[in-house]
Amino acid sequence: MRPTPPIKVALAGAGAFGIKHLDGIRNIDGVEVAWLVSRDLEKTRAIADKYGIPNATTDLDDVLADPTVDAVILCTPTQMHAAQAIACLNAGKHVQVEIPLCDVLADGEQVLQAQQRTGLVAMCGHTRRFNPSHQYIHRKVQAGAFNLQQMDVQTYFFRRTNMNALGEPRSWTDHLLWHHAAHTVDLFAYQAGEIVQAHALQGPIHPTLGIAMDMSIQLRSRSGAICTLSLSFNNDGPLGTFFRYIGDSATYVARYDDLVNGREEKIDVSQVDVSMNGIELQDREFFAAIREGREPNASIAQVLPCYRVLHQLEQQLNAAA
C-alpha cells in the first residue's frame, strides 16, 4: 500500500498569527509547508529558514502558479482576505483564511460563490469553535445536557496605537466589529443556534485610527438565548476575551484554554481533543477535510451568517452616527 503523499501548504502572512500556524503545523503529520509569503523578503527568508520552508516570496502569485501546492493559509491583513481567498480557489488551491473572512459582506458572499463553484475546501479561522473549553460546552449542548440561556462576553485590549499581538506596527487597522466581535457572534450562533435579533452601540471614533474604541452588542438566538458582548481597545488590563455561559443546569467561565464552573472550580478539558492549541486543532480540521473530501467545521458556508449579522450591526451603527 502506497504512503499517502503529504499535503503541501503555503502560508501567507508571517506576522503574529502566521507564526502560530507554523508552530501548530509542526505537530501535524502528513503536511509540508512549501512556501512562506510576507511583505519583507529578508525577514520572510529568515523565518522560512527557521521553520525549514524551502521557498520564500513577497508575491502570492508565485504560490498560485506552483502546481505542487495543494492549499493556502491566509494570515494577511483583513482587507486582503476575501480577494486572496477567491484567487486561491480560482487557482485550484484549498484555502483557510484567518478571521475575519471580510470587512464588507458582499466580499464574503463572493468567497462563498467561489467555493461553491470550485468545490474546494474553504474555511475561516473561527478558532473558538476549536478551543477545548468551548468544545466541552458544545458537546454538552449537542447531547442535551446543557441549554444555554445567556452568554456574557468581554473582549478587552489596550490598543491605542496600531500594533499587532507581538507589539509590532501593523500595516492595517484592526476593527472591534468585523474582527473581534466576529469570534463571539459566530460562537454564540454555534452554541445557541441562529441569531434572530442584534443591536449595537459604539463609543467615540478615534481621531487618528478612525475606528470606535469601545462597543456594546446584544444578540438573541431563535432558541431564546441572549448574548451581551462588551468590547474595548481602551482597557488597561486584564486583557483577552472572557466568556461566561449561563445555562439551565450549570454556569461555565472560559478564559482562553481554561474552563471553570460558576464557583471557579477548574474543569479538566485536556482530554477533549488531541491538543490544547486551538490554532493547531483548526489546522488539523482543515487538512482532514482536504484528505476526506468533506466540508470542514467553520466552512465559509457555516460562518457567513455571522458576517451577515455584522453587516446588519454596521448598518445600525452608521445610521446612528
Protein backbone atom coordinates (compact mmCIF):
# COMPACT_ATOMS: atom_id res chain seq x y z
CA MET A 1 0.00 0.00 0.00
CA ARG A 2 1.46 3.35 -1.09
CA PRO A 3 2.02 6.00 1.58
CA THR A 4 -0.33 8.99 1.35
CA PRO A 5 1.53 11.94 -0.17
CA PRO A 6 1.89 14.94 2.12
CA ILE A 7 -0.38 17.95 1.73
CA LYS A 8 1.77 20.83 0.53
CA VAL A 9 0.62 24.11 2.00
CA ALA A 10 1.70 27.72 1.61
CA LEU A 11 1.33 30.25 4.40
CA ALA A 12 0.82 33.91 3.54
CA GLY A 13 1.45 36.43 6.29
CA ALA A 14 4.33 35.79 8.69
CA GLY A 15 3.05 38.02 11.48
CA ALA A 16 1.90 37.02 14.95
CA PHE A 17 -0.83 34.65 13.80
CA GLY A 18 1.14 33.26 10.90
CA ILE A 19 3.80 32.11 13.37
CA LYS A 20 1.09 30.44 15.50
CA HIS A 21 0.01 28.44 12.45
CA LEU A 22 3.59 27.41 11.67
CA ASP A 23 4.04 26.23 15.26
CA GLY A 24 0.79 24.27 15.09
CA ILE A 25 1.55 22.65 11.75
CA ARG A 26 4.82 21.31 13.17
CA ASN A 27 2.67 18.91 15.23
CA ILE A 28 0.57 17.64 12.31
CA ASP A 29 1.74 14.59 10.36
CA GLY A 30 1.49 14.48 6.59
CA VAL A 31 1.72 18.23 5.97
CA GLU A 32 4.63 20.17 4.47
CA VAL A 33 4.88 23.95 4.40
CA ALA A 34 6.27 24.56 0.91
CA TRP A 35 6.06 28.36 0.69
CA LEU A 36 6.11 31.35 3.03
CA VAL A 37 4.77 34.67 1.75
CA SER A 38 5.17 38.00 3.51
CA ARG A 39 5.92 41.67 2.81
CA ASP A 40 9.62 41.88 3.75
CA LEU A 41 11.64 39.33 1.76
CA GLU A 42 14.65 39.33 4.09
CA LYS A 43 12.51 38.70 7.18
CA THR A 44 10.42 36.15 5.28
CA ARG A 45 13.53 34.19 4.31
CA ALA A 46 14.79 34.25 7.90
CA ILE A 47 11.50 32.79 9.20
CA ALA A 48 11.41 30.28 6.34
CA ASP A 49 14.91 29.11 7.27
CA LYS A 50 13.93 28.77 10.92
CA TYR A 51 10.95 26.54 10.04
CA GLY A 52 12.63 24.62 7.21
CA ILE A 53 10.40 26.09 4.49
CA PRO A 54 12.11 25.80 1.09
CA ASN A 55 10.52 28.77 -0.71
CA ALA A 56 10.03 32.40 0.34
CA THR A 57 8.45 35.24 -1.61
CA THR A 58 6.59 38.51 -1.28
CA ASP A 59 4.12 37.64 -4.05
CA LEU A 60 1.17 35.28 -3.52
CA ASP A 61 1.03 34.77 -7.30
CA ASP A 62 4.26 32.75 -7.06
CA VAL A 63 2.42 30.28 -4.84
CA LEU A 64 -0.70 30.18 -7.00
CA ALA A 65 1.43 29.37 -10.05
CA ASP A 66 3.05 26.37 -8.33
CA PRO A 67 1.11 23.22 -9.31
CA THR A 68 2.54 21.25 -6.38
CA VAL A 69 0.82 23.47 -3.79
CA ASP A 70 -2.42 21.92 -2.53
CA ALA A 71 -3.58 24.54 -0.05
CA VAL A 72 -3.00 28.05 1.24
CA ILE A 73 -3.46 29.53 4.72
CA LEU A 74 -4.01 33.30 4.63
CA CYS A 75 -2.86 35.33 7.65
CA THR A 76 -2.70 38.58 5.71
CA PRO A 77 -4.34 41.95 6.53
CA THR A 78 -8.13 41.82 6.82
CA GLN A 79 -8.75 43.94 3.74
CA MET A 80 -6.97 41.35 1.56
CA HIS A 81 -8.74 38.24 2.87
CA ALA A 82 -11.69 37.89 0.51
CA ALA A 83 -9.86 38.74 -2.73
CA GLN A 84 -6.94 36.47 -1.87
CA ALA A 85 -9.25 33.61 -0.84
CA ILE A 86 -11.03 33.87 -4.20
CA ALA A 87 -7.70 33.95 -6.04
CA CYS A 88 -6.61 30.77 -4.22
CA LEU A 89 -9.83 28.96 -5.09
CA ASN A 90 -9.66 30.10 -8.71
CA ALA A 91 -6.11 28.71 -8.85
CA GLY A 92 -7.33 25.31 -7.63
CA LYS A 93 -6.00 25.64 -4.08
CA HIS A 94 -7.92 24.76 -0.93
CA VAL A 95 -7.90 27.79 1.37
CA GLN A 96 -8.13 28.66 5.03
CA VAL A 97 -8.40 32.37 5.75
CA GLU A 98 -7.80 33.78 9.20
CA ILE A 99 -10.65 35.61 10.91
CA PRO A 100 -12.26 37.82 9.72
CA LEU A 101 -13.35 36.49 6.34
CA CYS A 102 -14.10 40.03 5.19
CA ASP A 103 -14.98 43.52 6.37
CA VAL A 104 -17.58 44.03 3.62
CA LEU A 105 -20.38 41.46 3.43
CA ALA A 106 -20.55 41.41 -0.37
CA ASP A 107 -16.91 40.28 -0.48
CA GLY A 108 -17.66 37.36 1.84
CA GLU A 109 -20.64 36.34 -0.31
CA GLN A 110 -18.30 36.23 -3.31
CA VAL A 111 -15.92 33.89 -1.44
CA LEU A 112 -18.83 31.51 -0.83
CA GLN A 113 -19.78 31.64 -4.51
CA ALA A 114 -16.18 30.80 -5.47
CA GLN A 115 -16.12 27.88 -3.04
CA GLN A 116 -19.41 26.53 -4.36
CA ARG A 117 -18.23 26.91 -7.96
CA THR A 118 -14.91 25.14 -7.39
CA GLY A 119 -15.99 22.57 -4.80
CA LEU A 120 -12.71 23.07 -2.91
CA VAL A 121 -12.31 23.16 0.86
CA ALA A 122 -12.59 26.71 2.16
CA MET A 123 -12.80 27.62 5.82
CA CYS A 124 -12.29 30.59 8.10
CA GLY A 125 -10.27 30.70 11.31
CA HIS A 126 -13.09 30.91 13.84
CA THR A 127 -10.83 29.42 16.50
CA ARG A 128 -13.38 29.48 19.32
CA ARG A 129 -15.17 26.55 17.65
CA PHE A 130 -11.99 24.52 18.21
CA ASN A 131 -10.75 25.63 21.65
CA PRO A 132 -11.24 22.64 24.01
CA SER A 133 -13.05 24.83 26.57
CA HIS A 134 -15.74 25.76 24.06
CA GLN A 135 -15.77 22.26 22.54
CA TYR A 136 -16.55 20.88 26.00
CA ILE A 137 -19.63 23.10 26.25
CA HIS A 138 -20.67 22.44 22.64
CA ARG A 139 -20.71 18.69 23.27
CA LYS A 140 -22.92 19.19 26.32
CA VAL A 141 -25.28 21.35 24.23
CA GLN A 142 -25.37 18.72 21.46
CA ALA A 143 -26.09 15.97 24.00
CA GLY A 144 -28.96 17.96 25.52
CA ALA A 145 -27.16 18.15 28.87
CA PHE A 146 -26.80 21.95 28.83
CA ASN A 147 -29.17 24.52 27.37
CA LEU A 148 -27.66 27.97 27.04
CA GLN A 149 -29.71 30.83 28.46
CA GLN A 150 -27.18 33.66 28.32
CA MET A 151 -23.60 34.38 27.24
CA ASP A 152 -21.81 37.32 28.82
CA VAL A 153 -18.59 38.09 26.95
CA GLN A 154 -15.85 40.67 27.47
CA THR A 155 -13.25 41.29 24.75
CA TYR A 156 -10.73 43.74 26.16
CA PHE A 157 -7.42 45.07 24.83
CA PHE A 158 -5.22 48.10 25.44
CA ARG A 159 -4.51 49.12 21.87
CA ARG A 160 -4.47 52.88 21.39
CA THR A 161 -1.83 52.62 18.70
CA ASN A 162 -1.80 50.36 15.65
CA MET A 163 0.20 47.39 16.98
CA ASN A 164 -0.15 43.63 16.49
CA ALA A 165 -0.06 40.87 19.12
CA LEU A 166 3.77 40.94 19.06
CA GLY A 167 3.87 44.67 19.77
CA GLU A 168 4.97 45.47 16.22
CA PRO A 169 3.43 48.18 14.00
CA ARG A 170 0.59 46.99 11.77
CA SER A 171 0.21 47.89 8.10
CA TRP A 172 -3.58 47.87 8.55
CA THR A 173 -6.14 48.87 11.17
CA ASP A 174 -7.80 46.28 13.39
CA HIS A 175 -11.56 46.54 14.00
CA LEU A 176 -13.72 45.67 17.00
CA LEU A 177 -16.81 44.80 14.95
CA TRP A 178 -15.51 42.93 11.90
CA HIS A 179 -12.68 41.12 13.70
CA HIS A 180 -13.14 40.76 17.44
CA ALA A 181 -16.94 40.67 17.55
CA ALA A 182 -16.87 38.06 14.76
CA HIS A 183 -15.42 35.50 17.21
CA THR A 184 -18.29 35.86 19.65
CA VAL A 185 -21.13 36.36 17.16
CA ASP A 186 -20.16 33.11 15.42
CA LEU A 187 -19.57 31.24 18.69
CA PHE A 188 -22.94 32.31 20.10
CA ALA A 189 -24.72 31.01 16.99
CA TYR A 190 -22.61 27.81 17.14
CA GLN A 191 -23.69 27.19 20.75
CA ALA A 192 -27.25 28.62 20.76
CA GLY A 193 -28.50 28.48 17.17
CA GLU A 194 -29.46 31.03 14.53
CA ILE A 195 -29.27 34.69 15.58
CA VAL A 196 -32.60 36.45 15.00
CA GLN A 197 -32.05 39.80 16.72
CA ALA A 198 -28.97 42.01 17.02
CA HIS A 199 -28.28 45.51 18.34
CA ALA A 200 -25.08 47.55 18.74
CA LEU A 201 -23.82 50.79 20.27
CA GLN A 202 -20.35 52.28 19.89
CA GLY A 203 -18.29 54.91 21.62
CA PRO A 204 -16.37 57.83 20.07
CA ILE A 205 -14.32 57.37 16.90
CA HIS A 206 -10.57 57.55 17.50
CA PRO A 207 -9.19 60.72 15.83
CA THR A 208 -6.27 59.00 14.07
CA LEU A 209 -7.22 55.30 13.84
CA GLY A 210 -10.69 56.16 12.54
CA ILE A 211 -12.42 53.34 14.46
CA ALA A 212 -14.59 53.06 17.55
CA MET A 213 -12.52 52.03 20.56
CA ASP A 214 -15.49 50.80 22.61
CA MET A 215 -18.57 48.83 21.56
CA SER A 216 -21.55 47.01 23.06
CA ILE A 217 -23.52 44.29 21.22
CA GLN A 218 -26.69 42.39 22.18
CA LEU A 219 -27.86 39.23 20.41
CA ARG A 220 -30.79 36.83 20.67
CA SER A 221 -30.97 33.38 19.09
CA ARG A 222 -34.05 31.60 17.79
CA SER A 223 -33.87 29.36 20.88
CA GLY A 224 -34.39 32.45 23.07
CA ALA A 225 -30.85 32.58 24.44
CA ILE A 226 -29.27 36.02 24.69
CA CYS A 227 -25.70 37.32 24.46
CA THR A 228 -24.19 40.53 25.79
CA LEU A 229 -20.79 41.41 24.33
CA SER A 230 -18.61 44.27 25.55
CA LEU A 231 -15.52 45.21 23.51
CA SER A 232 -12.78 47.76 24.16
CA PHE A 233 -9.38 48.83 22.91
CA ASN A 234 -9.14 51.20 25.91
CA ASN A 235 -8.97 48.61 28.70
CA ASP A 236 -5.68 48.65 30.62
CA GLY A 237 -5.85 45.01 31.76
CA PRO A 238 -6.69 42.25 32.24
CA LEU A 239 -6.52 41.61 28.51
CA GLY A 240 -8.22 38.99 26.35
CA THR A 241 -11.70 37.55 25.91
CA PHE A 242 -13.66 36.05 28.77
CA PHE A 243 -16.85 34.03 28.26
CA ARG A 244 -19.49 33.32 30.88
CA TYR A 245 -22.03 30.67 29.85
CA ILE A 246 -25.20 30.69 31.94
CA GLY A 247 -27.45 27.71 31.33
CA ASP A 248 -30.28 25.66 32.77
CA SER A 249 -28.00 23.18 34.52
CA ALA A 250 -24.67 24.95 35.11
CA THR A 251 -22.58 28.08 34.73
CA TYR A 252 -19.21 27.96 32.97
CA VAL A 253 -16.47 30.56 32.55
CA ALA A 254 -13.99 30.11 29.68
CA ARG A 255 -10.77 32.08 29.67
CA TYR A 256 -8.88 31.02 26.54
CA ASP A 257 -7.93 27.39 27.24
CA ASP A 258 -9.08 27.35 30.87
CA LEU A 259 -12.60 26.39 31.90
CA VAL A 260 -14.14 26.69 35.38
CA ASN A 261 -17.65 26.39 36.72
CA GLY A 262 -19.57 29.24 38.34
CA ARG A 263 -17.82 28.57 41.65
CA GLU A 264 -14.40 28.94 39.98
CA GLU A 265 -13.72 25.18 40.26
CA LYS A 266 -11.42 24.06 37.44
CA ILE A 267 -12.78 21.69 34.78
CA ASP A 268 -10.21 19.45 33.07
CA VAL A 269 -10.51 19.87 29.29
CA SER A 270 -7.11 18.35 28.46
CA GLN A 271 -8.73 15.19 27.06
CA VAL A 272 -11.35 16.92 24.92
CA ASP A 273 -9.15 16.79 21.81
CA VAL A 274 -5.66 15.78 20.70
CA SER A 275 -4.23 19.20 21.57
CA MET A 276 -4.98 22.19 23.79
CA ASN A 277 -3.91 24.54 20.98
CA GLY A 278 -6.98 25.93 19.18
CA ILE A 279 -4.97 27.08 16.14
CA GLU A 280 -3.45 23.62 15.75
CA LEU A 281 -6.89 21.99 16.06
CA GLN A 282 -8.25 24.42 13.47
CA ASP A 283 -5.44 23.46 11.08
CA ARG A 284 -5.98 19.76 11.76
CA GLU A 285 -9.61 20.18 10.71
CA PHE A 286 -8.58 21.99 7.52
CA PHE A 287 -6.18 19.24 6.45
CA ALA A 288 -8.55 16.44 7.49
CA ALA A 289 -11.33 17.96 5.39
CA ILE A 290 -8.98 18.11 2.39
CA ARG A 291 -7.98 14.45 2.80
CA GLU A 292 -11.56 13.29 3.39
CA GLY A 293 -13.15 15.46 0.71
CA ARG A 294 -15.73 16.94 3.09
CA GLU A 295 -16.97 20.27 4.40
CA PRO A 296 -14.90 21.44 7.38
CA ASN A 297 -16.17 22.85 10.63
CA ALA A 298 -16.04 26.66 10.21
CA SER A 299 -16.51 26.37 6.45
CA ILE A 300 -17.29 29.59 4.59
CA ALA A 301 -20.93 28.50 4.32
CA GLN A 302 -21.13 27.88 8.08
CA VAL A 303 -19.57 31.18 9.18
CA LEU A 304 -21.10 33.53 6.62
CA PRO A 305 -24.29 34.05 8.72
CA CYS A 306 -22.01 35.67 11.32
CA TYR A 307 -20.87 38.24 8.76
CA ARG A 308 -24.48 38.91 7.75
CA VAL A 309 -25.16 39.82 11.38
CA LEU A 310 -22.05 42.04 11.49
CA HIS A 311 -23.26 43.79 8.34
CA GLN A 312 -26.63 44.42 9.97
CA LEU A 313 -24.90 45.82 13.06
CA GLU A 314 -22.67 48.06 10.95
CA GLN A 315 -25.74 49.48 9.22
CA GLN A 316 -27.28 50.25 12.63
CA LEU A 317 -24.10 51.98 13.81
CA ASN A 318 -23.78 54.03 10.62
CA ALA A 319 -27.41 55.11 10.84
CA ALA A 320 -26.90 56.24 14.44
CA ALA A 321 -23.67 58.15 13.72
